[in-house]
């Protein structure tokens, strides 16, 4: 990976982190008490969705921070499963990727890839 590509990926990660850490005014994690059961059920469903979104955001922030740490070290861009380099196009699409395309596909199918 070239220095220009590393710089581009680092900038993409930092921009992504800035976007993910901006406060979200629509994300209310409080369920109000209301006399109507239908309204309460609707609020409860929305609350569950908001909690899921929040958890996913926290997970994604941790992945990006970890990718920035790995980018500063020597193990960034190397598949954790097979040890081969992860394609630059994949890293540009998902800078927090830890597996190459083949190993990621195998992991999603519940298989282990032989190197």
PDB file of N, CA and C in Angstrom:
ATOM      1  N   UNK A   1       0.854  -1.171   0.000  1.00  0.00           N
ATOM      2  CA  UNK A   1       0.000   0.000   0.000  1.00  0.00           C
ATOM      3  C   UNK A   1       0.904   1.240   0.000  1.00  0.00           C
ATOM      4  N   UNK A   2       0.557   2.200  -0.844  1.00  0.00           N
ATOM      5  CA  UNK A   2       1.383   3.400  -0.943  1.00  0.00           C
ATOM      6  C   UNK A   2       1.056   4.384   0.175  1.00  0.00           C
ATOM      7  N   UNK A   3       1.947   5.343   0.385  1.00  0.00           N
ATOM      8  CA  UNK A   3       1.725   6.368   1.408  1.00  0.00           C
ATOM      9  C   UNK A   3       0.489   7.199   1.078  1.00  0.00           C
ATOM     10  N   UNK A   4       0.261   7.447  -0.203  1.00  0.00           N
ATOM     11  CA  UNK A   4      -0.923   8.209  -0.618  1.00  0.00           C
ATOM     12  C   UNK A   4      -2.199   7.446  -0.267  1.00  0.00           C
ATOM     13  N   UNK A   5      -2.202   6.140  -0.504  1.00  0.00           N
ATOM     14  CA  UNK A   5      -3.371   5.322  -0.172  1.00  0.00           C
ATOM     15  C   UNK A   5      -3.595   5.276   1.332  1.00  0.00           C
ATOM     16  N   UNK A   6      -2.523   5.163   2.095  1.00  0.00           N
ATOM     17  CA  UNK A   6      -2.643   5.158   3.558  1.00  0.00           C
ATOM     18  C   UNK A   6      -3.199   6.489   4.041  1.00  0.00           C
ATOM     19  N   UNK A   7      -2.710   7.576   3.483  1.00  0.00           N
ATOM     20  CA  UNK A   7      -3.194   8.907   3.868  1.00  0.00           C
ATOM     21  C   UNK A   7      -4.675   9.054   3.525  1.00  0.00           C
ATOM     22  N   UNK A   8      -5.063   8.558   2.362  1.00  0.00           N
ATOM     23  CA  UNK A   8      -6.462   8.632   1.942  1.00  0.00           C
ATOM     24  C   UNK A   8      -7.369   7.820   2.870  1.00  0.00           C
ATOM     25  N   UNK A   9      -6.924   6.629   3.238  1.00  0.00           N
ATOM     26  CA  UNK A   9      -7.708   5.779   4.142  1.00  0.00           C
ATOM     27  C   UNK A   9      -7.791   6.410   5.526  1.00  0.00           C
ATOM     28  N   UNK A  10      -6.671   6.963   6.016  1.00  0.00           N
ATOM     29  CA  UNK A  10      -6.678   7.634   7.317  1.00  0.00           C
ATOM     30  C   UNK A  10      -7.680   8.794   7.313  1.00  0.00           C
ATOM     31  N   UNK A  11      -7.681   9.594   6.246  1.00  0.00           N
ATOM     32  CA  UNK A  11      -8.600  10.725   6.146  1.00  0.00           C
ATOM     33  C   UNK A  11     -10.056  10.234   6.123  1.00  0.00           C
ATOM     34  N   UNK A  12     -10.289   9.140   5.413  1.00  0.00           N
ATOM     35  CA  UNK A  12     -11.638   8.560   5.354  1.00  0.00           C
ATOM     36  C   UNK A  12     -12.087   8.086   6.741  1.00  0.00           C
ATOM     37  N   UNK A  13     -11.177   7.457   7.478  1.00  0.00           N
ATOM     38  CA  UNK A  13     -11.502   7.000   8.828  1.00  0.00           C
ATOM     39  C   UNK A  13     -11.802   8.167   9.762  1.00  0.00           C
ATOM     40  N   UNK A  14     -10.987   9.201   9.706  1.00  0.00           N
ATOM     41  CA  UNK A  14     -11.194  10.368  10.574  1.00  0.00           C
ATOM     42  C   UNK A  14     -12.521  11.049  10.246  1.00  0.00           C
ATOM     43  N   UNK A  15     -12.821  11.191   8.962  1.00  0.00           N
ATOM     44  CA  UNK A  15     -14.105  11.790   8.571  1.00  0.00           C
ATOM     45  C   UNK A  15     -15.271  10.926   9.055  1.00  0.00           C
ATOM     46  N   UNK A  16     -15.127   9.613   8.914  1.00  0.00           N
ATOM     47  CA  UNK A  16     -16.171   8.708   9.392  1.00  0.00           C
ATOM     48  C   UNK A  16     -16.374   8.811  10.889  1.00  0.00           C
ATOM     49  N   UNK A  17     -15.288   8.900  11.628  1.00  0.00           N
ATOM     50  CA  UNK A  17     -15.387   9.058  13.083  1.00  0.00           C
ATOM     51  C   UNK A  17     -16.065  10.368  13.448  1.00  0.00           C
ATOM     52  N   UNK A  18     -15.701  11.443  12.761  1.00  0.00           N
ATOM     53  CA  UNK A  18     -16.331  12.736  13.032  1.00  0.00           C
ATOM     54  C   UNK A  18     -17.829  12.674  12.774  1.00  0.00           C
ATOM     55  N   UNK A  19     -18.226  11.999  11.720  1.00  0.00           N
ATOM     56  CA  UNK A  19     -19.646  11.862  11.403  1.00  0.00           C
ATOM     57  C   UNK A  19     -20.368  11.021  12.452  1.00  0.00           C
ATOM     58  N   UNK A  20     -19.717   9.922  12.873  1.00  0.00           N
ATOM     59  CA  UNK A  20     -20.357   9.006  13.831  1.00  0.00           C
ATOM     60  C   UNK A  20     -20.466   9.600  15.234  1.00  0.00           C
ATOM     61  N   UNK A  21     -19.585  10.516  15.578  1.00  0.00           N
ATOM     62  CA  UNK A  21     -19.596  11.059  16.936  1.00  0.00           C
ATOM     63  C   UNK A  21     -20.390  12.347  17.062  1.00  0.00           C
ATOM     64  N   UNK A  22     -20.968  12.830  15.949  1.00  0.00           N
ATOM     65  CA  UNK A  22     -21.818  14.020  16.036  1.00  0.00           C
ATOM     66  C   UNK A  22     -23.080  13.656  16.808  1.00  0.00           C
ATOM     67  N   UNK A  23     -23.573  14.564  17.652  1.00  0.00           N
ATOM     68  CA  UNK A  23     -24.793  14.270  18.410  1.00  0.00           C
ATOM     69  C   UNK A  23     -25.991  14.114  17.480  1.00  0.00           C
ATOM     70  N   UNK A  24     -26.837  13.161  17.796  1.00  0.00           N
ATOM     71  CA  UNK A  24     -28.036  12.902  17.008  1.00  0.00           C
ATOM     72  C   UNK A  24     -29.247  13.368  17.807  1.00  0.00           C
ATOM     73  N   UNK A  25     -29.846  14.466  17.382  1.00  0.00           N
ATOM     74  CA  UNK A  25     -30.947  15.044  18.144  1.00  0.00           C
ATOM     75  C   UNK A  25     -32.218  14.216  18.056  1.00  0.00           C
ATOM     76  N   UNK A  26     -32.358  13.382  17.030  1.00  0.00           N
ATOM     77  CA  UNK A  26     -33.571  12.580  16.880  1.00  0.00           C
ATOM     78  C   UNK A  26     -33.543  11.323  17.732  1.00  0.00           C
ATOM     79  N   UNK A  27     -32.400  10.995  18.282  1.00  0.00           N
ATOM     80  CA  UNK A  27     -32.249   9.752  19.017  1.00  0.00           C
ATOM     81  C   UNK A  27     -32.656   9.923  20.474  1.00  0.00           C
ATOM     82  N   UNK A  28     -33.919   9.675  20.748  1.00  0.00           N
ATOM     83  CA  UNK A  28     -34.415   9.773  22.118  1.00  0.00           C
ATOM     84  C   UNK A  28     -34.386   8.373  22.737  1.00  0.00           C
ATOM     85  N   UNK A  29     -33.685   8.232  23.847  1.00  0.00           N
ATOM     86  CA  UNK A  29     -33.601   6.942  24.514  1.00  0.00           C
ATOM     87  C   UNK A  29     -34.518   6.876  25.728  1.00  0.00           C
ATOM     88  N   UNK A  30     -35.507   7.774  25.767  1.00  0.00           N
ATOM     89  CA  UNK A  30     -36.443   7.827  26.878  1.00  0.00           C
ATOM     90  C   UNK A  30     -37.831   7.455  26.368  1.00  0.00           C
ATOM     91  N   UNK A  31     -38.520   6.605  27.110  1.00  0.00           N
ATOM     92  CA  UNK A  31     -39.896   6.245  26.781  1.00  0.00           C
ATOM     93  C   UNK A  31     -40.801   6.981  27.755  1.00  0.00           C
ATOM     94  N   UNK A  32     -41.696   7.787  27.211  1.00  0.00           N
ATOM     95  CA  UNK A  32     -42.616   8.544  28.058  1.00  0.00           C
ATOM     96  C   UNK A  32     -43.809   7.682  28.432  1.00  0.00           C
ATOM     97  N   UNK A  33     -44.346   7.955  29.591  1.00  0.00           N
ATOM     98  CA  UNK A  33     -45.552   7.270  30.029  1.00  0.00           C
ATOM     99  C   UNK A  33     -46.749   7.910  29.334  1.00  0.00           C
ATOM    100  N   UNK A  34     -47.571   7.108  28.699  1.00  0.00           N
ATOM    101  CA  UNK A  34     -48.762   7.662  28.055  1.00  0.00           C
ATOM    102  C   UNK A  34     -49.944   6.727  28.316  1.00  0.00           C
ATOM    103  N   UNK A  35     -51.134   7.304  28.403  1.00  0.00           N
ATOM    104  CA  UNK A  35     -52.307   6.518  28.755  1.00  0.00           C
ATOM    105  C   UNK A  35     -52.758   5.560  27.652  1.00  0.00           C
ATOM    106  N   UNK A  36     -52.431   5.836  26.420  1.00  0.00           N
ATOM    107  CA  UNK A  36     -52.874   5.013  25.299  1.00  0.00           C
ATOM    108  C   UNK A  36     -51.884   3.871  25.072  1.00  0.00           C
ATOM    109  N   UNK A  37     -52.370   2.643  25.131  1.00  0.00           N
ATOM    110  CA  UNK A  37     -51.497   1.473  24.971  1.00  0.00           C
ATOM    111  C   UNK A  37     -50.852   1.424  23.590  1.00  0.00           C
ATOM    112  N   UNK A  38     -51.577   1.848  22.580  1.00  0.00           N
ATOM    113  CA  UNK A  38     -51.028   1.837  21.224  1.00  0.00           C
ATOM    114  C   UNK A  38     -49.865   2.819  21.102  1.00  0.00           C
ATOM    115  N   UNK A  39     -50.038   4.018  21.656  1.00  0.00           N
ATOM    116  CA  UNK A  39     -48.952   5.001  21.627  1.00  0.00           C
ATOM    117  C   UNK A  39     -47.750   4.514  22.419  1.00  0.00           C
ATOM    118  N   UNK A  40     -48.009   3.884  23.551  1.00  0.00           N
ATOM    119  CA  UNK A  40     -46.915   3.373  24.372  1.00  0.00           C
ATOM    120  C   UNK A  40     -46.164   2.268  23.634  1.00  0.00           C
ATOM    121  N   UNK A  41     -46.899   1.381  22.968  1.00  0.00           N
ATOM    122  CA  UNK A  41     -46.261   0.303  22.213  1.00  0.00           C
ATOM    123  C   UNK A  41     -45.421   0.876  21.070  1.00  0.00           C
ATOM    124  N   UNK A  42     -45.932   1.909  20.447  1.00  0.00           N
ATOM    125  CA  UNK A  42     -45.193   2.563  19.372  1.00  0.00           C
ATOM    126  C   UNK A  42     -43.910   3.199  19.901  1.00  0.00           C
ATOM    127  N   UNK A  43     -44.011   3.873  21.045  1.00  0.00           N
ATOM    128  CA  UNK A  43     -42.834   4.484  21.672  1.00  0.00           C
ATOM    129  C   UNK A  43     -41.815   3.417  22.075  1.00  0.00           C
ATOM    130  N   UNK A  44     -42.324   2.316  22.595  1.00  0.00           N
ATOM    131  CA  UNK A  44     -41.444   1.229  23.020  1.00  0.00           C
ATOM    132  C   UNK A  44     -40.696   0.631  21.825  1.00  0.00           C
ATOM    133  N   UNK A  45     -41.398   0.443  20.715  1.00  0.00           N
ATOM    134  CA  UNK A  45     -40.761  -0.074  19.505  1.00  0.00           C
ATOM    135  C   UNK A  45     -39.703   0.903  19.003  1.00  0.00           C
ATOM    136  N   UNK A  46     -40.024   2.195  19.006  1.00  0.00           N
ATOM    137  CA  UNK A  46     -39.067   3.206  18.569  1.00  0.00           C
ATOM    138  C   UNK A  46     -37.859   3.240  19.497  1.00  0.00           C
ATOM    139  N   UNK A  47     -38.087   3.073  20.781  1.00  0.00           N
ATOM    140  CA  UNK A  47     -37.004   3.038  21.760  1.00  0.00           C
ATOM    141  C   UNK A  47     -36.054   1.875  21.460  1.00  0.00           C
ATOM    142  N   UNK A  48     -36.624   0.707  21.192  1.00  0.00           N
ATOM    143  CA  UNK A  48     -35.812  -0.461  20.861  1.00  0.00           C
ATOM    144  C   UNK A  48     -34.970  -0.220  19.616  1.00  0.00           C
ATOM    145  N   UNK A  49     -35.554   0.426  18.631  1.00  0.00           N
ATOM    146  CA  UNK A  49     -34.821   0.758  17.420  1.00  0.00           C
ATOM    147  C   UNK A  49     -33.692   1.739  17.709  1.00  0.00           C
ATOM    148  N   UNK A  50     -33.982   2.759  18.521  1.00  0.00           N
ATOM    149  CA  UNK A  50     -32.964   3.748  18.886  1.00  0.00           C
ATOM    150  C   UNK A  50     -31.802   3.120  19.650  1.00  0.00           C
ATOM    151  N   UNK A  51     -32.110   2.188  20.535  1.00  0.00           N
ATOM    152  CA  UNK A  51     -31.058   1.501  21.295  1.00  0.00           C
ATOM    153  C   UNK A  51     -30.194   0.675  20.341  1.00  0.00           C
ATOM    154  N   UNK A  52     -30.819  -0.010  19.394  1.00  0.00           N
ATOM    155  CA  UNK A  52     -30.063  -0.799  18.414  1.00  0.00           C
ATOM    156  C   UNK A  52     -29.158   0.084  17.567  1.00  0.00           C
ATOM    157  N   UNK A  53     -29.676   1.219  17.134  1.00  0.00           N
ATOM    158  CA  UNK A  53     -28.889   2.158  16.332  1.00  0.00           C
ATOM    159  C   UNK A  53     -27.704   2.675  17.151  1.00  0.00           C
ATOM    160  N   UNK A  54     -27.966   2.996  18.402  1.00  0.00           N
ATOM    161  CA  UNK A  54     -26.901   3.498  19.280  1.00  0.00           C
ATOM    162  C   UNK A  54     -25.805   2.445  19.481  1.00  0.00           C
ATOM    163  N   UNK A  55     -26.204   1.198  19.722  1.00  0.00           N
ATOM    164  CA  UNK A  55     -25.227   0.117  19.911  1.00  0.00           C
ATOM    165  C   UNK A  55     -24.398  -0.087  18.652  1.00  0.00           C
ATOM    166  N   UNK A  56     -25.044  -0.048  17.495  1.00  0.00           N
ATOM    167  CA  UNK A  56     -24.328  -0.218  16.232  1.00  0.00           C
ATOM    168  C   UNK A  56     -23.340   0.933  16.017  1.00  0.00           C
ATOM    169  N   UNK A  57     -23.758   2.141  16.362  1.00  0.00           N
ATOM    170  CA  UNK A  57     -22.882   3.305  16.213  1.00  0.00           C
ATOM    171  C   UNK A  57     -21.646   3.157  17.107  1.00  0.00           C
ATOM    172  N   UNK A  58     -21.837   2.728  18.354  1.00  0.00           N
ATOM    173  CA  UNK A  58     -20.715   2.546  19.278  1.00  0.00           C
ATOM    174  C   UNK A  58     -19.761   1.464  18.749  1.00  0.00           C
ATOM    175  N   UNK A  59     -20.304   0.374  18.231  1.00  0.00           N
ATOM    176  CA  UNK A  59     -19.484  -0.697  17.668  1.00  0.00           C
ATOM    177  C   UNK A  59     -18.687  -0.185  16.477  1.00  0.00           C
ATOM    178  N   UNK A  60     -19.328   0.572  15.612  1.00  0.00           N
ATOM    179  CA  UNK A  60     -18.656   1.108  14.416  1.00  0.00           C
ATOM    180  C   UNK A  60     -17.554   2.098  14.802  1.00  0.00           C
ATOM    181  N   UNK A  61     -17.811   2.927  15.808  1.00  0.00           N
ATOM    182  CA  UNK A  61     -16.781   3.869  16.283  1.00  0.00           C
ATOM    183  C   UNK A  61     -15.571   3.100  16.795  1.00  0.00           C
ATOM    184  N   UNK A  62     -15.792   2.045  17.558  1.00  0.00           N
ATOM    185  CA  UNK A  62     -14.681   1.232  18.076  1.00  0.00           C
ATOM    186  C   UNK A  62     -13.897   0.587  16.933  1.00  0.00           C
ATOM    187  N   UNK A  63     -14.620   0.105  15.898  1.00  0.00           N
ATOM    188  CA  UNK A  63     -13.946  -0.495  14.749  1.00  0.00           C
ATOM    189  C   UNK A  63     -13.064   0.530  14.043  1.00  0.00           C
ATOM    190  N   UNK A  64     -13.577   1.747  13.872  1.00  0.00           N
ATOM    191  CA  UNK A  64     -12.809   2.799  13.197  1.00  0.00           C
ATOM    192  C   UNK A  64     -11.596   3.218  14.026  1.00  0.00           C
ATOM    193  N   UNK A  65     -11.775   3.352  15.338  1.00  0.00           N
ATOM    194  CA  UNK A  65     -10.649   3.707  16.205  1.00  0.00           C
ATOM    195  C   UNK A  65      -9.578   2.623  16.171  1.00  0.00           C
ATOM    196  N   UNK A  66     -10.003   1.361  16.156  1.00  0.00           N
ATOM    197  CA  UNK A  66      -9.060   0.250  16.081  1.00  0.00           C
ATOM    198  C   UNK A  66      -8.328   0.263  14.737  1.00  0.00           C
ATOM    199  N   UNK A  67      -9.061   0.571  13.663  1.00  0.00           N
ATOM    200  CA  UNK A  67      -8.428   0.642  12.338  1.00  0.00           C
ATOM    201  C   UNK A  67      -7.383   1.754  12.303  1.00  0.00           C
ATOM    202  N   UNK A  68      -7.672   2.894  12.920  1.00  0.00           N
ATOM    203  CA  UNK A  68      -6.694   3.982  12.980  1.00  0.00           C
ATOM    204  C   UNK A  68      -5.448   3.556  13.750  1.00  0.00           C
ATOM    205  N   UNK A  69      -5.655   2.813  14.838  1.00  0.00           N
ATOM    206  CA  UNK A  69      -4.518   2.306  15.617  1.00  0.00           C
ATOM    207  C   UNK A  69      -3.695   1.339  14.769  1.00  0.00           C
ATOM    208  N   UNK A  70      -4.364   0.412  14.071  1.00  0.00           N
ATOM    209  CA  UNK A  70      -3.653  -0.550  13.230  1.00  0.00           C
ATOM    210  C   UNK A  70      -2.962   0.139  12.053  1.00  0.00           C
ATOM    211  N   UNK A  71      -3.553   1.214  11.568  1.00  0.00           N
ATOM    212  CA  UNK A  71      -2.955   1.959  10.458  1.00  0.00           C
ATOM    213  C   UNK A  71      -1.618   2.566  10.880  1.00  0.00           C
ATOM    214  N   UNK A  72      -1.526   2.957  12.136  1.00  0.00           N
ATOM    215  CA  UNK A  72      -0.270   3.526  12.649  1.00  0.00           C
ATOM    216  C   UNK A  72       0.770   2.435  12.887  1.00  0.00           C
ATOM    217  N   UNK A  73       0.335   1.202  12.983  1.00  0.00           N
ATOM    218  CA  UNK A  73       1.249   0.077  13.191  1.00  0.00           C
ATOM    219  C   UNK A  73       1.472  -0.630  11.855  1.00  0.00           C
ATOM    220  N   UNK A  74       2.074  -1.776  11.896  1.00  0.00           N
ATOM    221  CA  UNK A  74       2.408  -2.476  10.655  1.00  0.00           C
ATOM    222  C   UNK A  74       1.378  -3.510  10.225  1.00  0.00           C
ATOM    223  N   UNK A  75       0.402  -3.835  11.055  1.00  0.00           N
ATOM    224  CA  UNK A  75      -0.508  -4.926  10.703  1.00  0.00           C
ATOM    225  C   UNK A  75      -1.771  -4.474   9.981  1.00  0.00           C
ATOM    226  N   UNK A  76      -1.869  -3.213   9.611  1.00  0.00           N
ATOM    227  CA  UNK A  76      -3.055  -2.747   8.891  1.00  0.00           C
ATOM    228  C   UNK A  76      -3.016  -3.255   7.451  1.00  0.00           C
ATOM    229  N   UNK A  77      -4.155  -3.708   6.964  1.00  0.00           N
ATOM    230  CA  UNK A  77      -4.250  -4.158   5.583  1.00  0.00           C
ATOM    231  C   UNK A  77      -3.851  -5.600   5.375  1.00  0.00           C
ATOM    232  N   UNK A  78      -3.617  -6.323   6.479  1.00  0.00           N
ATOM    233  CA  UNK A  78      -3.268  -7.736   6.404  1.00  0.00           C
ATOM    234  C   UNK A  78      -4.423  -8.533   7.004  1.00  0.00           C
ATOM    235  N   UNK A  79      -4.889  -9.525   6.274  1.00  0.00           N
ATOM    236  CA  UNK A  79      -6.009 -10.360   6.723  1.00  0.00           C
ATOM    237  C   UNK A  79      -5.622 -11.100   8.002  1.00  0.00           C
ATOM    238  N   UNK A  80      -6.465 -11.015   8.998  1.00  0.00           N
ATOM    239  CA  UNK A  80      -6.187 -11.673  10.277  1.00  0.00           C
ATOM    240  C   UNK A  80      -6.358 -13.184  10.211  1.00  0.00           C
ATOM    241  N   UNK A  81      -7.020 -13.670   9.160  1.00  0.00           N
ATOM    242  CA  UNK A  81      -7.261 -15.101   9.032  1.00  0.00           C
ATOM    243  C   UNK A  81      -6.153 -15.794   8.231  1.00  0.00           C
ATOM    244  N   UNK A  82      -5.855 -15.283   7.035  1.00  0.00           N
ATOM    245  CA  UNK A  82      -4.912 -15.968   6.153  1.00  0.00           C
ATOM    246  C   UNK A  82      -3.557 -15.277   6.053  1.00  0.00           C
ATOM    247  N   UNK A  83      -3.464 -14.018   6.521  1.00  0.00           N
ATOM    248  CA  UNK A  83      -2.197 -13.307   6.492  1.00  0.00           C
ATOM    249  C   UNK A  83      -1.872 -12.627   5.169  1.00  0.00           C
ATOM    250  N   UNK A  84      -2.783 -12.742   4.194  1.00  0.00           N
ATOM    251  CA  UNK A  84      -2.555 -12.080   2.911  1.00  0.00           C
ATOM    252  C   UNK A  84      -3.023 -10.629   2.991  1.00  0.00           C
ATOM    253  N   UNK A  85      -2.532  -9.816   2.049  1.00  0.00           N
ATOM    254  CA  UNK A  85      -2.932  -8.415   2.043  1.00  0.00           C
ATOM    255  C   UNK A  85      -4.396  -8.276   1.637  1.00  0.00           C
ATOM    256  N   UNK A  86      -5.084  -7.365   2.293  1.00  0.00           N
ATOM    257  CA  UNK A  86      -6.462  -7.032   1.947  1.00  0.00           C
ATOM    258  C   UNK A  86      -6.389  -6.035   0.802  1.00  0.00           C
ATOM    259  N   UNK A  87      -7.226  -6.209  -0.199  1.00  0.00           N
ATOM    260  CA  UNK A  87      -7.202  -5.336  -1.359  1.00  0.00           C
ATOM    261  C   UNK A  87      -7.463  -3.878  -0.992  1.00  0.00           C
ATOM    262  N   UNK A  88      -6.782  -2.978  -1.682  1.00  0.00           N
ATOM    263  CA  UNK A  88      -6.922  -1.550  -1.420  1.00  0.00           C
ATOM    264  C   UNK A  88      -8.360  -1.101  -1.658  1.00  0.00           C
ATOM    265  N   UNK A  89      -9.007  -1.632  -2.693  1.00  0.00           N
ATOM    266  CA  UNK A  89     -10.395  -1.258  -2.974  1.00  0.00           C
ATOM    267  C   UNK A  89     -11.302  -1.622  -1.798  1.00  0.00           C
ATOM    268  N   UNK A  90     -11.060  -2.784  -1.196  1.00  0.00           N
ATOM    269  CA  UNK A  90     -11.862  -3.200  -0.019  1.00  0.00           C
ATOM    270  C   UNK A  90     -11.595  -2.275   1.155  1.00  0.00           C
ATOM    271  N   UNK A  91     -10.335  -1.914   1.375  1.00  0.00           N
ATOM    272  CA  UNK A  91     -10.002  -1.029   2.486  1.00  0.00           C
ATOM    273  C   UNK A  91     -10.572   0.373   2.277  1.00  0.00           C
ATOM    274  N   UNK A  92     -10.649   0.825   1.030  1.00  0.00           N
ATOM    275  CA  UNK A  92     -11.257   2.123   0.769  1.00  0.00           C
ATOM    276  C   UNK A  92     -12.756   2.067   1.021  1.00  0.00           C
ATOM    277  N   UNK A  93     -13.385   0.945   0.670  1.00  0.00           N
ATOM    278  CA  UNK A  93     -14.826   0.793   0.895  1.00  0.00           C
ATOM    279  C   UNK A  93     -15.141   0.601   2.369  1.00  0.00           C
ATOM    280  N   UNK A  94     -14.284  -0.146   3.065  1.00  0.00           N
ATOM    281  CA  UNK A  94     -14.474  -0.413   4.488  1.00  0.00           C
ATOM    282  C   UNK A  94     -13.114  -0.387   5.172  1.00  0.00           C
ATOM    283  N   UNK A  95     -12.659   0.806   5.594  1.00  0.00           N
ATOM    284  CA  UNK A  95     -11.317   0.929   6.182  1.00  0.00           C
ATOM    285  C   UNK A  95     -11.121   0.116   7.453  1.00  0.00           C
ATOM    286  N   UNK A  96     -12.189  -0.320   8.097  1.00  0.00           N
ATOM    287  CA  UNK A  96     -12.067  -1.103   9.321  1.00  0.00           C
ATOM    288  C   UNK A  96     -12.020  -2.607   9.040  1.00  0.00           C
ATOM    289  N   UNK A  97     -11.973  -2.992   7.761  1.00  0.00           N
ATOM    290  CA  UNK A  97     -11.961  -4.419   7.404  1.00  0.00           C
ATOM    291  C   UNK A  97     -10.751  -5.116   8.011  1.00  0.00           C
ATOM    292  N   UNK A  98     -11.004  -6.280   8.583  1.00  0.00           N
ATOM    293  CA  UNK A  98      -9.931  -7.058   9.210  1.00  0.00           C
ATOM    294  C   UNK A  98      -9.654  -8.339   8.429  1.00  0.00           C
ATOM    295  N   UNK A  99     -10.549  -8.673   7.494  1.00  0.00           N
ATOM    296  CA  UNK A  99     -10.413  -9.903   6.709  1.00  0.00           C
ATOM    297  C   UNK A  99     -10.454  -9.577   5.219  1.00  0.00           C
ATOM    298  N   UNK A 100      -9.767 -10.388   4.421  1.00  0.00           N
ATOM    299  CA  UNK A 100      -9.855 -10.234   2.967  1.00  0.00           C
ATOM    300  C   UNK A 100     -11.245 -10.700   2.522  1.00  0.00           C
ATOM    301  N   UNK A 101     -11.565 -10.481   1.271  1.00  0.00           N
ATOM    302  CA  UNK A 101     -12.894 -10.814   0.758  1.00  0.00           C
ATOM    303  C   UNK A 101     -13.189 -12.301   0.902  1.00  0.00           C
ATOM    304  N   UNK A 102     -12.222 -13.147   0.554  1.00  0.00           N
ATOM    305  CA  UNK A 102     -12.455 -14.598   0.635  1.00  0.00           C
ATOM    306  C   UNK A 102     -12.689 -15.058   2.068  1.00  0.00           C
ATOM    307  N   UNK A 103     -11.876 -14.583   2.995  1.00  0.00           N
ATOM    308  CA  UNK A 103     -12.036 -14.979   4.401  1.00  0.00           C
ATOM    309  C   UNK A 103     -13.315 -14.408   4.995  1.00  0.00           C
ATOM    310  N   UNK A 104     -13.680 -13.184   4.603  1.00  0.00           N
ATOM    311  CA  UNK A 104     -14.929 -12.586   5.086  1.00  0.00           C
ATOM    312  C   UNK A 104     -16.120 -13.389   4.594  1.00  0.00           C
ATOM    313  N   UNK A 105     -16.094 -13.800   3.320  1.00  0.00           N
ATOM    314  CA  UNK A 105     -17.184 -14.617   2.770  1.00  0.00           C
ATOM    315  C   UNK A 105     -17.284 -15.942   3.508  1.00  0.00           C
ATOM    316  N   UNK A 106     -16.137 -16.554   3.759  1.00  0.00           N
ATOM    317  CA  UNK A 106     -16.128 -17.831   4.480  1.00  0.00           C
ATOM    318  C   UNK A 106     -16.667 -17.653   5.894  1.00  0.00           C
ATOM    319  N   UNK A 107     -16.280 -16.565   6.550  1.00  0.00           N
ATOM    320  CA  UNK A 107     -16.746 -16.307   7.918  1.00  0.00           C
ATOM    321  C   UNK A 107     -18.255 -16.101   7.946  1.00  0.00           C
ATOM    322  N   UNK A 108     -18.797 -15.408   6.948  1.00  0.00           N
ATOM    323  CA  UNK A 108     -20.236 -15.170   6.903  1.00  0.00           C
ATOM    324  C   UNK A 108     -21.009 -16.449   6.644  1.00  0.00           C
ATOM    325  N   UNK A 109     -20.378 -17.403   5.969  1.00  0.00           N
ATOM    326  CA  UNK A 109     -21.014 -18.679   5.707  1.00  0.00           C
ATOM    327  C   UNK A 109     -20.765 -19.693   6.829  1.00  0.00           C
ATOM    328  N   UNK A 110     -19.978 -19.262   7.827  1.00  0.00           N
ATOM    329  CA  UNK A 110     -19.689 -20.140   8.953  1.00  0.00           C
ATOM    330  C   UNK A 110     -18.599 -21.138   8.669  1.00  0.00           C
ATOM    331  N   UNK A 111     -17.808 -20.879   7.662  1.00  0.00           N
ATOM    332  CA  UNK A 111     -16.724 -21.778   7.288  1.00  0.00           C
ATOM    333  C   UNK A 111     -15.389 -21.170   7.665  1.00  0.00           C
ATOM    334  N   UNK A 112     -14.357 -21.979   7.671  1.00  0.00           N
ATOM    335  CA  UNK A 112     -13.006 -21.453   7.844  1.00  0.00           C
ATOM    336  C   UNK A 112     -12.282 -21.671   6.522  1.00  0.00           C
ATOM    337  N   UNK A 113     -11.538 -20.666   6.126  1.00  0.00           N
ATOM    338  CA  UNK A 113     -10.826 -20.728   4.853  1.00  0.00           C
ATOM    339  C   UNK A 113      -9.445 -21.315   5.068  1.00  0.00           C
ATOM    340  N   UNK A 114      -9.071 -22.242   4.227  1.00  0.00           N
ATOM    341  CA  UNK A 114      -7.715 -22.784   4.280  1.00  0.00           C
ATOM    342  C   UNK A 114      -6.800 -21.843   3.511  1.00  0.00           C
ATOM    343  N   UNK A 115      -5.703 -21.434   4.137  1.00  0.00           N
ATOM    344  CA  UNK A 115      -4.765 -20.498   3.493  1.00  0.00           C
ATOM    345  C   UNK A 115      -4.027 -21.150   2.364  1.00  0.00           C
TER     346      UNK A 115
END
